Amino acid sequence: MPVIVAKAARKDVTIVEHTIGTVVANTTVQVTARVSGQLMTAYFKEGQTVRAGDLLFRIDPKPYAAALDQARAQLAKDSALLANAVNDRRRFDALFAQNAASSQQRDQADTTAKSMAATVAADRAALDIAQLNLGYTDIRSPVDGKTGPILIQPGNLIGAGGSNALVVVAQIQPVKVSFSLPQTDLPQIQARDRAHELTAFVSSREAGGQQLTAPVDFITNAVNAQTGTIELRATFDNRDQELVPGQLVDVAVSLQNLKRATTVPREAVNDGPNGRYIYVVTPSKAAEMRPVKVLFDDGINMAVSGGVKPGDKVVTDGQLRLVPGAKVSVEEAGGRKAKSTDAP
C-alpha cells in the first residue's frame, strides 16, 4: 500500500486553551438624581470621557437655596431663644438657692433650656440636610469613564432617586475580559494560579488587532452546571481604548508546559473502537498499529504518549486502507519517495 509518512519529533509543548471572551466594563454606573426638580443643563457631550467629580448635570438650585436660607434663619432664631432660656435657668438657680423661687419654677426653667437645646440641635441637622440637598443639585460623575447617550434631556422635571437614569457612565480604563474554560481544565487552572503563572492573551477578532496580555485575576467560585465551564477574568489597562465593553475577543490561556514531548502531525492520529491509534512504519516496511493518548492538539500537531517515540515514521496519508502488518510503499511528507534502506 502506498502511504505518506512523517517523522515523530521531540520538543517542548505549551498547552494552550483557546476560547472567546467578552469585554466587560470595569464599573458601570447609572447616574440618577438625588433631589427632584427641573433639569437645567448638561455639561458634557455624549460619548465624552469624564473624570470622577466632573459636573454632568445641574438641577434648578433656587428652591434648595431658599430652603437653606430658611434653615439658617430658623437656627438663628432658636439659638437666640436657647440663650435666653439658659439665662433664665441661671437666674432661677440663683433665686432657688436664696429661697426666692420654688423648685417647680427652677425645674420649669431647666426643662425649657434643655428643650431649646434639642431644638437648636434639630435646626443644625435641618441646616445640614438643606446644604446637602443644595449640593445634590449639581450631579457629578462618580467614576472615571465614558458617558453614553443622555437619557433624559434638560428641561424635564425629574424625581429624586428615580429608576430612570440620566446617563450611564462606563469605566473602560481599565476593562475586564470575561471568558470560560471547560471544567476539565480546572486542575491545570488551579495549579497555574497557585504558581502565579495564569495569564490571558487577548486579541480582537478583527484582522490586525494587536495581542494584549494580562494576568488572570478572577476565578469564579462555582462551575456553571448548565455549560460545565468555569468563568475567569483578566483586567487590561486599555490605554488606547482598543477594547470596548460588549466586544468579542479571542482569548488564549497557557495551562501547562510539556517538556520533551513526542509530537506527530494531526493527520497521523486515528480514532478507533478502542481509542486513538497511529500506524508506524517499521524498518521492514510493515504497518504497525500502536495505541496513543493525545496530550494536546494545537490544530496542526498533536503531543502524544504511548506507543510512539521520536524518530518513528508515522503514516499521515493512506492509513484508511491499512491493516496491521500490511506491507507499505513509503513516501515522505512533501513527495520524496523513501529508499528501501531508509530506517527511522
C-alpha atoms as a PDB file:
ATOM      1  CA  MET A   1       0.000   0.000   0.000  1.00  0.00           C
ATOM      2  CA  PRO A   2       1.359   3.456  -0.864  1.00  0.00           C
ATOM      3  CA  VAL A   3       1.421   5.750   2.176  1.00  0.00           C
ATOM      4  CA  ILE A   4       2.858   9.123   3.108  1.00  0.00           C
ATOM      5  CA  VAL A   5       4.773   9.302   6.356  1.00  0.00           C
ATOM      6  CA  ALA A   6       6.312  11.920   8.626  1.00  0.00           C
ATOM      7  CA  LYS A   7       8.727  11.542  11.498  1.00  0.00           C
ATOM      8  CA  ALA A   8       7.635  11.902  15.090  1.00  0.00           C
ATOM      9  CA  ALA A   9       9.567  14.697  16.788  1.00  0.00           C
ATOM     10  CA  ARG A  10      10.530  15.651  20.325  1.00  0.00           C
ATOM     11  CA  LYS A  11      10.027  19.209  21.526  1.00  0.00           C
ATOM     12  CA  ASP A  12       8.684  21.293  24.368  1.00  0.00           C
ATOM     13  CA  VAL A  13       4.970  21.963  24.010  1.00  0.00           C
ATOM     14  CA  THR A  14       2.868  24.589  25.763  1.00  0.00           C
ATOM     15  CA  ILE A  15      -0.728  23.532  26.261  1.00  0.00           C
ATOM     16  CA  VAL A  16      -2.892  26.493  25.280  1.00  0.00           C
ATOM     17  CA  GLU A  17      -6.674  26.668  25.592  1.00  0.00           C
ATOM     18  CA  HIS A  18      -8.441  28.903  23.080  1.00  0.00           C
ATOM     19  CA  THR A  19     -11.852  30.420  23.679  1.00  0.00           C
ATOM     20  CA  ILE A  20     -13.955  33.505  23.015  1.00  0.00           C
ATOM     21  CA  GLY A  21     -14.197  36.235  25.646  1.00  0.00           C
ATOM     22  CA  THR A  22     -16.382  39.267  26.188  1.00  0.00           C
ATOM     23  CA  VAL A  23     -15.106  42.699  27.179  1.00  0.00           C
ATOM     24  CA  VAL A  24     -16.814  43.934  30.353  1.00  0.00           C
ATOM     25  CA  ALA A  25     -16.680  47.478  31.738  1.00  0.00           C
ATOM     26  CA  ASN A  26     -14.771  47.583  34.998  1.00  0.00           C
ATOM     27  CA  THR A  27     -17.575  49.662  36.519  1.00  0.00           C
ATOM     28  CA  THR A  28     -20.916  50.738  35.084  1.00  0.00           C
ATOM     29  CA  VAL A  29     -22.863  53.438  36.921  1.00  0.00           C
ATOM     30  CA  GLN A  30     -26.378  54.632  36.203  1.00  0.00           C
ATOM     31  CA  VAL A  31     -26.378  58.293  37.166  1.00  0.00           C
ATOM     32  CA  THR A  32     -29.673  59.377  38.775  1.00  0.00           C
ATOM     33  CA  ALA A  33     -30.882  62.455  40.641  1.00  0.00           C
ATOM     34  CA  ARG A  34     -30.869  62.580  44.454  1.00  0.00           C
ATOM     35  CA  VAL A  35     -33.266  65.542  44.594  1.00  0.00           C
ATOM     36  CA  SER A  36     -36.268  66.411  42.481  1.00  0.00           C
ATOM     37  CA  GLY A  37     -36.634  69.456  40.271  1.00  0.00           C
ATOM     38  CA  GLN A  38     -36.205  70.744  36.752  1.00  0.00           C
ATOM     39  CA  LEU A  39     -33.129  69.517  34.912  1.00  0.00           C
ATOM     40  CA  MET A  40     -31.459  72.700  33.718  1.00  0.00           C
ATOM     41  CA  THR A  41     -28.205  71.946  31.896  1.00  0.00           C
ATOM     42  CA  ALA A  42     -25.952  69.112  30.724  1.00  0.00           C
ATOM     43  CA  TYR A  43     -22.245  69.945  30.975  1.00  0.00           C
ATOM     44  CA  PHE A  44     -20.836  67.181  28.794  1.00  0.00           C
ATOM     45  CA  LYS A  45     -21.142  65.774  25.306  1.00  0.00           C
ATOM     46  CA  GLU A  46     -22.487  62.309  24.717  1.00  0.00           C
ATOM     47  CA  GLY A  47     -19.629  59.828  24.483  1.00  0.00           C
ATOM     48  CA  GLN A  48     -17.227  62.148  26.303  1.00  0.00           C
ATOM     49  CA  THR A  49     -14.617  60.762  28.687  1.00  0.00           C
ATOM     50  CA  VAL A  50     -15.101  62.234  32.169  1.00  0.00           C
ATOM     51  CA  ARG A  51     -13.272  62.094  35.480  1.00  0.00           C
ATOM     52  CA  ALA A  52     -14.744  61.337  38.873  1.00  0.00           C
ATOM     53  CA  GLY A  53     -16.208  64.571  40.253  1.00  0.00           C
ATOM     54  CA  ASP A  54     -16.790  66.219  36.875  1.00  0.00           C
ATOM     55  CA  LEU A  55     -20.083  68.137  36.659  1.00  0.00           C
ATOM     56  CA  LEU A  56     -22.587  66.324  34.438  1.00  0.00           C
ATOM     57  CA  PHE A  57     -25.976  67.971  35.075  1.00  0.00           C
ATOM     58  CA  ARG A  58     -27.497  70.756  37.156  1.00  0.00           C
ATOM     59  CA  ILE A  59     -30.977  70.782  38.651  1.00  0.00           C
ATOM     60  CA  ASP A  60     -32.627  74.169  39.293  1.00  0.00           C
ATOM     61  CA  PRO A  61     -30.989  75.154  42.625  1.00  0.00           C
ATOM     62  CA  LYS A  62     -33.253  78.115  43.549  1.00  0.00           C
ATOM     63  CA  PRO A  63     -35.794  76.192  45.686  1.00  0.00           C
ATOM     64  CA  TYR A  64     -32.995  74.472  47.608  1.00  0.00           C
ATOM     65  CA  ALA A  65     -31.066  77.718  48.100  1.00  0.00           C
ATOM     66  CA  ALA A  66     -34.238  79.241  49.580  1.00  0.00           C
ATOM     67  CA  ALA A  67     -34.696  76.216  51.846  1.00  0.00           C
ATOM     68  CA  LEU A  68     -31.110  76.639  53.032  1.00  0.00           C
ATOM     69  CA  ASP A  69     -31.703  80.298  53.876  1.00  0.00           C
ATOM     70  CA  GLN A  70     -34.843  79.326  55.766  1.00  0.00           C
ATOM     71  CA  ALA A  71     -32.928  76.692  57.763  1.00  0.00           C
ATOM     72  CA  ARG A  72     -30.253  79.224  58.664  1.00  0.00           C
ATOM     73  CA  ALA A  73     -32.864  81.723  59.833  1.00  0.00           C
ATOM     74  CA  GLN A  74     -34.625  79.113  61.947  1.00  0.00           C
ATOM     75  CA  LEU A  75     -31.341  78.127  63.540  1.00  0.00           C
ATOM     76  CA  ALA A  76     -30.550  81.761  64.362  1.00  0.00           C
ATOM     77  CA  LYS A  77     -33.999  82.272  65.912  1.00  0.00           C
ATOM     78  CA  ASP A  78     -33.852  79.140  68.065  1.00  0.00           C
ATOM     79  CA  SER A  79     -30.257  79.872  69.084  1.00  0.00           C
ATOM     80  CA  ALA A  80     -31.408  83.228  70.473  1.00  0.00           C
ATOM     81  CA  LEU A  81     -34.261  81.542  72.347  1.00  0.00           C
ATOM     82  CA  LEU A  82     -31.807  78.976  73.718  1.00  0.00           C
ATOM     83  CA  ALA A  83     -29.532  81.763  75.026  1.00  0.00           C
ATOM     84  CA  ASN A  84     -32.492  83.362  76.766  1.00  0.00           C
ATOM     85  CA  ALA A  85     -33.596  80.016  78.262  1.00  0.00           C
ATOM     86  CA  VAL A  86     -30.106  79.385  79.587  1.00  0.00           C
ATOM     87  CA  ASN A  87     -30.065  82.821  81.238  1.00  0.00           C
ATOM     88  CA  ASP A  88     -33.476  82.165  82.794  1.00  0.00           C
ATOM     89  CA  ARG A  89     -32.290  78.865  84.190  1.00  0.00           C
ATOM     90  CA  ARG A  90     -29.233  80.569  85.705  1.00  0.00           C
ATOM     91  CA  ARG A  91     -31.414  83.215  87.360  1.00  0.00           C
ATOM     92  CA  PHE A  92     -33.873  80.686  88.776  1.00  0.00           C
ATOM     93  CA  ASP A  93     -30.996  78.585  90.109  1.00  0.00           C
ATOM     94  CA  ALA A  94     -29.738  81.666  91.978  1.00  0.00           C
ATOM     95  CA  LEU A  95     -33.221  82.522  93.272  1.00  0.00           C
ATOM     96  CA  PHE A  96     -33.829  78.945  94.366  1.00  0.00           C
ATOM     97  CA  ALA A  97     -30.557  78.995  96.308  1.00  0.00           C
ATOM     98  CA  GLN A  98     -31.881  82.116  98.154  1.00  0.00           C
ATOM     99  CA  ASN A  99     -35.303  80.501  98.734  1.00  0.00           C
ATOM    100  CA  ALA A 100     -36.808  83.185  96.486  1.00  0.00           C
ATOM    101  CA  ALA A 101     -38.140  80.727  93.874  1.00  0.00           C
ATOM    102  CA  SER A 102     -39.852  77.389  94.099  1.00  0.00           C
ATOM    103  CA  SER A 103     -38.348  74.139  92.916  1.00  0.00           C
ATOM    104  CA  GLN A 104     -41.121  73.934  90.320  1.00  0.00           C
ATOM    105  CA  GLN A 105     -40.051  77.233  88.795  1.00  0.00           C
ATOM    106  CA  ARG A 106     -36.420  76.120  88.765  1.00  0.00           C
ATOM    107  CA  ASP A 107     -37.337  72.777  87.128  1.00  0.00           C
ATOM    108  CA  GLN A 108     -39.501  74.538  84.540  1.00  0.00           C
ATOM    109  CA  ALA A 109     -36.620  76.841  83.578  1.00  0.00           C
ATOM    110  CA  ASP A 110     -34.261  73.861  83.331  1.00  0.00           C
ATOM    111  CA  THR A 111     -36.728  71.963  81.136  1.00  0.00           C
ATOM    112  CA  THR A 112     -37.186  74.954  78.840  1.00  0.00           C
ATOM    113  CA  ALA A 113     -33.422  75.340  78.397  1.00  0.00           C
ATOM    114  CA  LYS A 114     -32.970  71.643  77.580  1.00  0.00           C
ATOM    115  CA  SER A 115     -35.894  71.723  75.153  1.00  0.00           C
ATOM    116  CA  MET A 116     -34.429  74.688  73.321  1.00  0.00           C
ATOM    117  CA  ALA A 117     -31.020  72.979  73.171  1.00  0.00           C
ATOM    118  CA  ALA A 118     -32.677  69.994  71.464  1.00  0.00           C
ATOM    119  CA  THR A 119     -34.493  72.338  69.086  1.00  0.00           C
ATOM    120  CA  VAL A 120     -31.219  74.003  68.108  1.00  0.00           C
ATOM    121  CA  ALA A 121     -29.626  70.600  67.506  1.00  0.00           C
ATOM    122  CA  ALA A 122     -32.559  69.698  65.233  1.00  0.00           C
ATOM    123  CA  ASP A 123     -32.152  73.023  63.437  1.00  0.00           C
ATOM    124  CA  ARG A 124     -28.481  72.294  62.806  1.00  0.00           C
ATOM    125  CA  ALA A 125     -29.414  68.896  61.354  1.00  0.00           C
ATOM    126  CA  ALA A 126     -32.032  70.545  59.147  1.00  0.00           C
ATOM    127  CA  LEU A 127     -29.415  73.050  58.004  1.00  0.00           C
ATOM    128  CA  ASP A 128     -27.046  70.212  57.121  1.00  0.00           C
ATOM    129  CA  ILE A 129     -29.808  68.483  55.112  1.00  0.00           C
ATOM    130  CA  ALA A 130     -30.586  71.723  53.297  1.00  0.00           C
ATOM    131  CA  GLN A 131     -26.912  72.155  52.423  1.00  0.00           C
ATOM    132  CA  LEU A 132     -26.734  68.575  51.169  1.00  0.00           C
ATOM    133  CA  ASN A 133     -29.858  68.998  49.038  1.00  0.00           C
ATOM    134  CA  LEU A 134     -28.441  72.166  47.505  1.00  0.00           C
ATOM    135  CA  GLY A 135     -25.201  70.316  46.751  1.00  0.00           C
ATOM    136  CA  TYR A 136     -27.169  67.474  45.136  1.00  0.00           C
ATOM    137  CA  THR A 137     -28.490  69.877  42.501  1.00  0.00           C
ATOM    138  CA  ASP A 138     -25.036  69.510  40.918  1.00  0.00           C
ATOM    139  CA  ILE A 139     -24.900  65.964  39.580  1.00  0.00           C
ATOM    140  CA  ARG A 140     -21.303  64.803  39.231  1.00  0.00           C
ATOM    141  CA  SER A 141     -19.696  61.710  37.774  1.00  0.00           C
ATOM    142  CA  PRO A 142     -18.998  59.128  40.497  1.00  0.00           C
ATOM    143  CA  VAL A 143     -16.253  57.384  38.490  1.00  0.00           C
ATOM    144  CA  ASP A 144     -13.759  57.903  35.696  1.00  0.00           C
ATOM    145  CA  GLY A 145     -15.316  56.652  32.500  1.00  0.00           C
ATOM    146  CA  LYS A 146     -17.023  57.281  29.198  1.00  0.00           C
ATOM    147  CA  THR A 147     -20.542  58.625  29.028  1.00  0.00           C
ATOM    148  CA  GLY A 148     -23.310  57.111  26.979  1.00  0.00           C
ATOM    149  CA  PRO A 149     -26.244  58.972  25.431  1.00  0.00           C
ATOM    150  CA  ILE A 150     -28.205  61.459  27.531  1.00  0.00           C
ATOM    151  CA  LEU A 151     -31.332  59.536  28.513  1.00  0.00           C
ATOM    152  CA  ILE A 152     -33.318  62.467  29.957  1.00  0.00           C
ATOM    153  CA  GLN A 153     -32.880  65.795  28.232  1.00  0.00           C
ATOM    154  CA  PRO A 154     -32.565  69.153  30.065  1.00  0.00           C
ATOM    155  CA  GLY A 155     -35.911  70.859  30.614  1.00  0.00           C
ATOM    156  CA  ASN A 156     -37.633  67.802  32.033  1.00  0.00           C
ATOM    157  CA  LEU A 157     -38.865  67.554  35.603  1.00  0.00           C
ATOM    158  CA  ILE A 158     -37.167  64.651  37.363  1.00  0.00           C
ATOM    159  CA  GLY A 159     -37.807  62.922  40.659  1.00  0.00           C
ATOM    160  CA  ALA A 160     -35.396  62.081  43.452  1.00  0.00           C
ATOM    161  CA  GLY A 161     -33.945  58.580  43.270  1.00  0.00           C
ATOM    162  CA  GLY A 162     -35.925  57.750  40.168  1.00  0.00           C
ATOM    163  CA  SER A 163     -35.461  54.442  38.383  1.00  0.00           C
ATOM    164  CA  ASN A 164     -34.716  56.221  35.108  1.00  0.00           C
ATOM    165  CA  ALA A 165     -31.033  57.055  34.718  1.00  0.00           C
ATOM    166  CA  LEU A 166     -29.954  60.399  33.319  1.00  0.00           C
ATOM    167  CA  VAL A 167     -26.851  58.869  31.721  1.00  0.00           C
ATOM    168  CA  VAL A 168     -24.758  55.725  32.088  1.00  0.00           C
ATOM    169  CA  VAL A 169     -21.029  56.093  32.744  1.00  0.00           C
ATOM    170  CA  ALA A 170     -18.872  53.059  31.942  1.00  0.00           C
ATOM    171  CA  GLN A 171     -15.318  52.780  33.211  1.00  0.00           C
ATOM    172  CA  ILE A 172     -13.246  51.480  30.280  1.00  0.00           C
ATOM    173  CA  GLN A 173      -9.761  52.153  31.619  1.00  0.00           C
ATOM    174  CA  PRO A 174      -9.197  49.515  32.838  1.00  0.00           C
ATOM    175  CA  VAL A 175     -11.597  46.916  31.443  1.00  0.00           C
ATOM    176  CA  LYS A 176     -12.129  43.245  32.176  1.00  0.00           C
ATOM    177  CA  VAL A 177     -12.291  40.363  29.726  1.00  0.00           C
ATOM    178  CA  SER A 178     -14.595  37.561  30.823  1.00  0.00           C
ATOM    179  CA  PHE A 179     -14.193  34.069  29.351  1.00  0.00           C
ATOM    180  CA  SER A 180     -14.992  30.474  30.259  1.00  0.00           C
ATOM    181  CA  LEU A 181     -12.953  27.275  30.108  1.00  0.00           C
ATOM    182  CA  PRO A 182     -14.093  23.642  30.431  1.00  0.00           C
ATOM    183  CA  GLN A 183     -14.199  22.280  33.961  1.00  0.00           C
ATOM    184  CA  THR A 184     -11.788  19.537  32.858  1.00  0.00           C
ATOM    185  CA  ASP A 185      -9.111  22.255  32.790  1.00  0.00           C
ATOM    186  CA  LEU A 186      -9.735  23.140  36.445  1.00  0.00           C
ATOM    187  CA  PRO A 187      -6.695  21.249  37.882  1.00  0.00           C
ATOM    188  CA  GLN A 188      -4.331  22.998  35.452  1.00  0.00           C
ATOM    189  CA  ILE A 189      -6.035  26.351  36.096  1.00  0.00           C
ATOM    190  CA  GLN A 190      -5.625  25.980  39.843  1.00  0.00           C
ATOM    191  CA  ALA A 191      -2.012  24.842  39.533  1.00  0.00           C
ATOM    192  CA  ARG A 192      -1.064  27.789  37.312  1.00  0.00           C
ATOM    193  CA  ASP A 193      -2.943  30.180  39.585  1.00  0.00           C
ATOM    194  CA  ARG A 194      -1.067  28.947  42.665  1.00  0.00           C
ATOM    195  CA  ALA A 195       2.188  29.481  40.808  1.00  0.00           C
ATOM    196  CA  HIS A 196       1.041  32.982  39.705  1.00  0.00           C
ATOM    197  CA  GLU A 197       1.520  31.941  36.075  1.00  0.00           C
ATOM    198  CA  LEU A 198      -2.075  32.071  34.841  1.00  0.00           C
ATOM    199  CA  THR A 199      -2.049  34.619  32.005  1.00  0.00           C
ATOM    200  CA  ALA A 200      -4.592  35.544  29.339  1.00  0.00           C
ATOM    201  CA  PHE A 201      -3.586  36.551  25.815  1.00  0.00           C
ATOM    202  CA  VAL A 202      -6.296  38.582  24.087  1.00  0.00           C
ATOM    203  CA  SER A 203      -6.639  39.795  20.523  1.00  0.00           C
ATOM    204  CA  SER A 204      -9.600  41.408  18.826  1.00  0.00           C
ATOM    205  CA  ARG A 205     -11.428  39.299  16.290  1.00  0.00           C
ATOM    206  CA  GLU A 206     -10.916  41.909  13.585  1.00  0.00           C
ATOM    207  CA  ALA A 207      -7.868  41.499  11.366  1.00  0.00           C
ATOM    208  CA  GLY A 208      -4.824  43.379  12.531  1.00  0.00           C
ATOM    209  CA  GLY A 209      -5.820  43.570  16.188  1.00  0.00           C
ATOM    210  CA  GLN A 210      -2.814  43.573  18.465  1.00  0.00           C
ATOM    211  CA  GLN A 211      -2.369  40.931  21.156  1.00  0.00           C
ATOM    212  CA  LEU A 212      -2.706  42.097  24.746  1.00  0.00           C
ATOM    213  CA  THR A 213      -1.511  40.251  27.841  1.00  0.00           C
ATOM    214  CA  ALA A 214      -2.715  40.377  31.433  1.00  0.00           C
ATOM    215  CA  PRO A 215      -2.733  38.030  34.434  1.00  0.00           C
ATOM    216  CA  VAL A 216      -5.982  36.289  35.278  1.00  0.00           C
ATOM    217  CA  ASP A 217      -7.173  37.969  38.496  1.00  0.00           C
ATOM    218  CA  PHE A 218     -10.565  36.316  38.980  1.00  0.00           C
ATOM    219  CA  ILE A 219     -11.735  32.702  39.012  1.00  0.00           C
ATOM    220  CA  THR A 220     -15.381  32.250  39.873  1.00  0.00           C
ATOM    221  CA  ASN A 221     -16.342  30.173  42.883  1.00  0.00           C
ATOM    222  CA  ALA A 222     -18.571  27.649  41.080  1.00  0.00           C
ATOM    223  CA  VAL A 223     -18.767  25.666  37.850  1.00  0.00           C
ATOM    224  CA  ASN A 224     -21.710  26.547  35.636  1.00  0.00           C
ATOM    225  CA  ALA A 225     -23.932  23.473  35.886  1.00  0.00           C
ATOM    226  CA  GLN A 226     -25.577  24.152  32.514  1.00  0.00           C
ATOM    227  CA  THR A 227     -22.425  24.559  30.423  1.00  0.00           C
ATOM    228  CA  GLY A 228     -19.840  22.680  32.505  1.00  0.00           C
ATOM    229  CA  THR A 229     -17.494  25.646  32.324  1.00  0.00           C
ATOM    230  CA  ILE A 230     -15.826  27.950  34.818  1.00  0.00           C
ATOM    231  CA  GLU A 231     -15.568  31.720  34.352  1.00  0.00           C
ATOM    232  CA  LEU A 232     -12.272  33.594  34.527  1.00  0.00           C
ATOM    233  CA  ARG A 233     -11.493  37.287  34.125  1.00  0.00           C
ATOM    234  CA  ALA A 234      -8.407  39.328  33.358  1.00  0.00           C
ATOM    235  CA  THR A 235      -8.008  43.096  33.749  1.00  0.00           C
ATOM    236  CA  PHE A 236      -6.398  45.158  30.983  1.00  0.00           C
ATOM    237  CA  ASP A 237      -5.211  48.783  31.195  1.00  0.00           C
ATOM    238  CA  ASN A 238      -6.815  49.553  27.829  1.00  0.00           C
ATOM    239  CA  ARG A 239      -4.827  52.776  27.498  1.00  0.00           C
ATOM    240  CA  ASP A 240      -5.590  53.106  23.795  1.00  0.00           C
ATOM    241  CA  GLN A 241      -9.261  52.122  24.338  1.00  0.00           C
ATOM    242  CA  GLU A 242      -8.959  49.331  21.796  1.00  0.00           C
ATOM    243  CA  LEU A 243     -11.252  47.141  23.900  1.00  0.00           C
ATOM    244  CA  VAL A 244     -14.893  48.217  24.081  1.00  0.00           C
ATOM    245  CA  PRO A 245     -17.467  46.741  26.506  1.00  0.00           C
ATOM    246  CA  GLY A 246     -19.536  44.068  24.794  1.00  0.00           C
ATOM    247  CA  GLN A 247     -16.834  43.335  22.200  1.00  0.00           C
ATOM    248  CA  LEU A 248     -15.984  39.694  21.433  1.00  0.00           C
ATOM    249  CA  VAL A 249     -12.279  38.836  21.547  1.00  0.00           C
ATOM    250  CA  ASP A 250     -10.142  35.745  21.064  1.00  0.00           C
ATOM    251  CA  VAL A 251      -8.585  34.537  24.304  1.00  0.00           C
ATOM    252  CA  ALA A 252      -5.684  32.101  24.739  1.00  0.00           C
ATOM    253  CA  VAL A 253      -4.581  30.782  28.124  1.00  0.00           C
ATOM    254  CA  SER A 254      -1.415  28.767  28.748  1.00  0.00           C
ATOM    255  CA  LEU A 255      -2.285  25.922  31.108  1.00  0.00           C
ATOM    256  CA  GLN A 256       0.735  23.577  31.120  1.00  0.00           C
ATOM    257  CA  ASN A 257       4.240  23.089  29.708  1.00  0.00           C
ATOM    258  CA  LEU A 258       5.099  19.624  28.389  1.00  0.00           C
ATOM    259  CA  LYS A 259       8.858  19.138  28.403  1.00  0.00           C
ATOM    260  CA  ARG A 260      10.391  16.985  25.627  1.00  0.00           C
ATOM    261  CA  ALA A 261       7.019  15.758  24.408  1.00  0.00           C
ATOM    262  CA  THR A 262       6.593  13.450  21.408  1.00  0.00           C
ATOM    263  CA  THR A 263       4.707  15.240  18.632  1.00  0.00           C
ATOM    264  CA  VAL A 264       3.186  13.946  15.387  1.00  0.00           C
ATOM    265  CA  PRO A 265       1.142  15.599  12.633  1.00  0.00           C
ATOM    266  CA  ARG A 266      -2.529  15.752  13.472  1.00  0.00           C
ATOM    267  CA  GLU A 267      -3.383  13.637  10.428  1.00  0.00           C
ATOM    268  CA  ALA A 268      -1.444  10.700  11.836  1.00  0.00           C
ATOM    269  CA  VAL A 269      -3.818  10.153  14.770  1.00  0.00           C
ATOM    270  CA  ASN A 270      -6.866   7.991  14.098  1.00  0.00           C
ATOM    271  CA  ASP A 271      -9.947   7.128  16.152  1.00  0.00           C
ATOM    272  CA  GLY A 272     -10.809   3.500  16.667  1.00  0.00           C
ATOM    273  CA  PRO A 273     -13.312   1.500  18.745  1.00  0.00           C
ATOM    274  CA  ASN A 274     -10.651   1.019  21.430  1.00  0.00           C
ATOM    275  CA  GLY A 275      -9.379   4.576  21.399  1.00  0.00           C
ATOM    276  CA  ARG A 276      -6.872   6.530  19.356  1.00  0.00           C
ATOM    277  CA  TYR A 277      -4.031   4.909  17.465  1.00  0.00           C
ATOM    278  CA  ILE A 278      -1.231   5.612  14.995  1.00  0.00           C
ATOM    279  CA  TYR A 279       0.230   3.469  12.209  1.00  0.00           C
ATOM    280  CA  VAL A 280       4.019   3.307  12.461  1.00  0.00           C
ATOM    281  CA  VAL A 281       6.090   2.006   9.568  1.00  0.00           C
ATOM    282  CA  THR A 282       8.668  -0.499  10.827  1.00  0.00           C
ATOM    283  CA  PRO A 283      12.139  -0.925   9.287  1.00  0.00           C
ATOM    284  CA  SER A 284      10.741  -3.898   7.322  1.00  0.00           C
ATOM    285  CA  LYS A 285       8.181  -1.568   5.674  1.00  0.00           C
ATOM    286  CA  ALA A 286       5.231  -3.043   7.547  1.00  0.00           C
ATOM    287  CA  ALA A 287       2.408  -1.003   9.128  1.00  0.00           C
ATOM    288  CA  GLU A 288       2.144  -1.489  12.851  1.00  0.00           C
ATOM    289  CA  MET A 289      -0.840  -0.166  14.819  1.00  0.00           C
ATOM    290  CA  ARG A 290       0.083   1.466  18.124  1.00  0.00           C
ATOM    291  CA  PRO A 291      -2.327   2.964  20.663  1.00  0.00           C
ATOM    292  CA  VAL A 292      -1.639   6.528  21.821  1.00  0.00           C
ATOM    293  CA  LYS A 293      -3.036   9.079  24.205  1.00  0.00           C
ATOM    294  CA  VAL A 294      -3.358  12.643  22.963  1.00  0.00           C
ATOM    295  CA  LEU A 295      -1.943  15.140  25.442  1.00  0.00           C
ATOM    296  CA  PHE A 296      -2.509  18.280  23.410  1.00  0.00           C
ATOM    297  CA  ASP A 297      -3.821  19.269  19.987  1.00  0.00           C
ATOM    298  CA  ASP A 298      -2.963  22.675  18.513  1.00  0.00           C
ATOM    299  CA  GLY A 299      -4.800  22.009  15.255  1.00  0.00           C
ATOM    300  CA  ILE A 300      -1.600  21.151  13.337  1.00  0.00           C
ATOM    301  CA  ASN A 301       0.371  18.804  15.558  1.00  0.00           C
ATOM    302  CA  MET A 302      -0.522  16.590  18.485  1.00  0.00           C
ATOM    303  CA  ALA A 303       1.542  15.807  21.543  1.00  0.00           C
ATOM    304  CA  VAL A 304       1.063  12.088  22.279  1.00  0.00           C
ATOM    305  CA  SER A 305       2.195   9.422  24.693  1.00  0.00           C
ATOM    306  CA  GLY A 306       2.080   5.662  24.259  1.00  0.00           C
ATOM    307  CA  GLY A 307       3.488   3.518  21.513  1.00  0.00           C
ATOM    308  CA  VAL A 308       5.295   6.200  19.508  1.00  0.00           C
ATOM    309  CA  LYS A 309       8.738   7.601  20.144  1.00  0.00           C
ATOM    310  CA  PRO A 310      10.699  10.412  18.445  1.00  0.00           C
ATOM    311  CA  GLY A 311      12.091   9.336  15.080  1.00  0.00           C
ATOM    312  CA  ASP A 312       9.327   6.849  14.287  1.00  0.00           C
ATOM    313  CA  LYS A 313       7.807   7.156  10.849  1.00  0.00           C
ATOM    314  CA  VAL A 314       4.077   7.660  11.278  1.00  0.00           C
ATOM    315  CA  VAL A 315       1.553   7.332   8.455  1.00  0.00           C
ATOM    316  CA  THR A 316      -0.175  10.632   7.688  1.00  0.00           C
ATOM    317  CA  ASP A 317      -1.988   9.621   4.474  1.00  0.00           C
ATOM    318  CA  GLY A 318      -3.233   6.264   3.300  1.00  0.00           C
ATOM    319  CA  GLN A 319      -3.911   4.752   6.724  1.00  0.00           C
ATOM    320  CA  LEU A 320      -7.576   4.110   5.942  1.00  0.00           C
ATOM    321  CA  ARG A 321      -6.519   1.311   3.594  1.00  0.00           C
ATOM    322  CA  LEU A 322      -4.127  -0.273   6.072  1.00  0.00           C
ATOM    323  CA  VAL A 323      -4.453  -3.254   8.353  1.00  0.00           C
ATOM    324  CA  PRO A 324      -1.881  -4.188  11.000  1.00  0.00           C
ATOM    325  CA  GLY A 325       1.107  -5.923   9.408  1.00  0.00           C
ATOM    326  CA  ALA A 326       0.374  -4.734   5.856  1.00  0.00           C
ATOM    327  CA  LYS A 327       3.398  -4.003   3.660  1.00  0.00           C
ATOM    328  CA  VAL A 328       3.630  -0.421   2.507  1.00  0.00           C
ATOM    329  CA  SER A 329       5.360   1.701  -0.078  1.00  0.00           C
ATOM    330  CA  VAL A 330       6.683   4.718   1.778  1.00  0.00           C
ATOM    331  CA  GLU A 331       6.706   8.294   0.564  1.00  0.00           C
ATOM    332  CA  GLU A 332       7.970  11.035   2.847  1.00  0.00           C
ATOM    333  CA  ALA A 333       5.760  14.025   3.528  1.00  0.00           C
ATOM    334  CA  GLY A 334       6.488  16.524   0.759  1.00  0.00           C
ATOM    335  CA  GLY A 335       6.541  13.979  -2.047  1.00  0.00           C
ATOM    336  CA  ARG A 336      10.040  12.381  -1.713  1.00  0.00           C
ATOM    337  CA  LYS A 337       9.913   8.628  -2.119  1.00  0.00           C
ATOM    338  CA  ALA A 338      11.843   6.836   0.632  1.00  0.00           C
ATOM    339  CA  LYS A 339      14.677   4.475  -0.281  1.00  0.00           C
ATOM    340  CA  SER A 340      14.234   0.823   0.644  1.00  0.00           C
ATOM    341  CA  THR A 341      17.196   1.112   3.018  1.00  0.00           C
ATOM    342  CA  ASP A 342      15.716   4.060   4.955  1.00  0.00           C
ATOM    343  CA  ALA A 343      15.473   3.478   8.666  1.00  0.00           C
ATOM    344  CA  PRO A 344      13.686   5.525  11.289  1.00  0.00           C
END
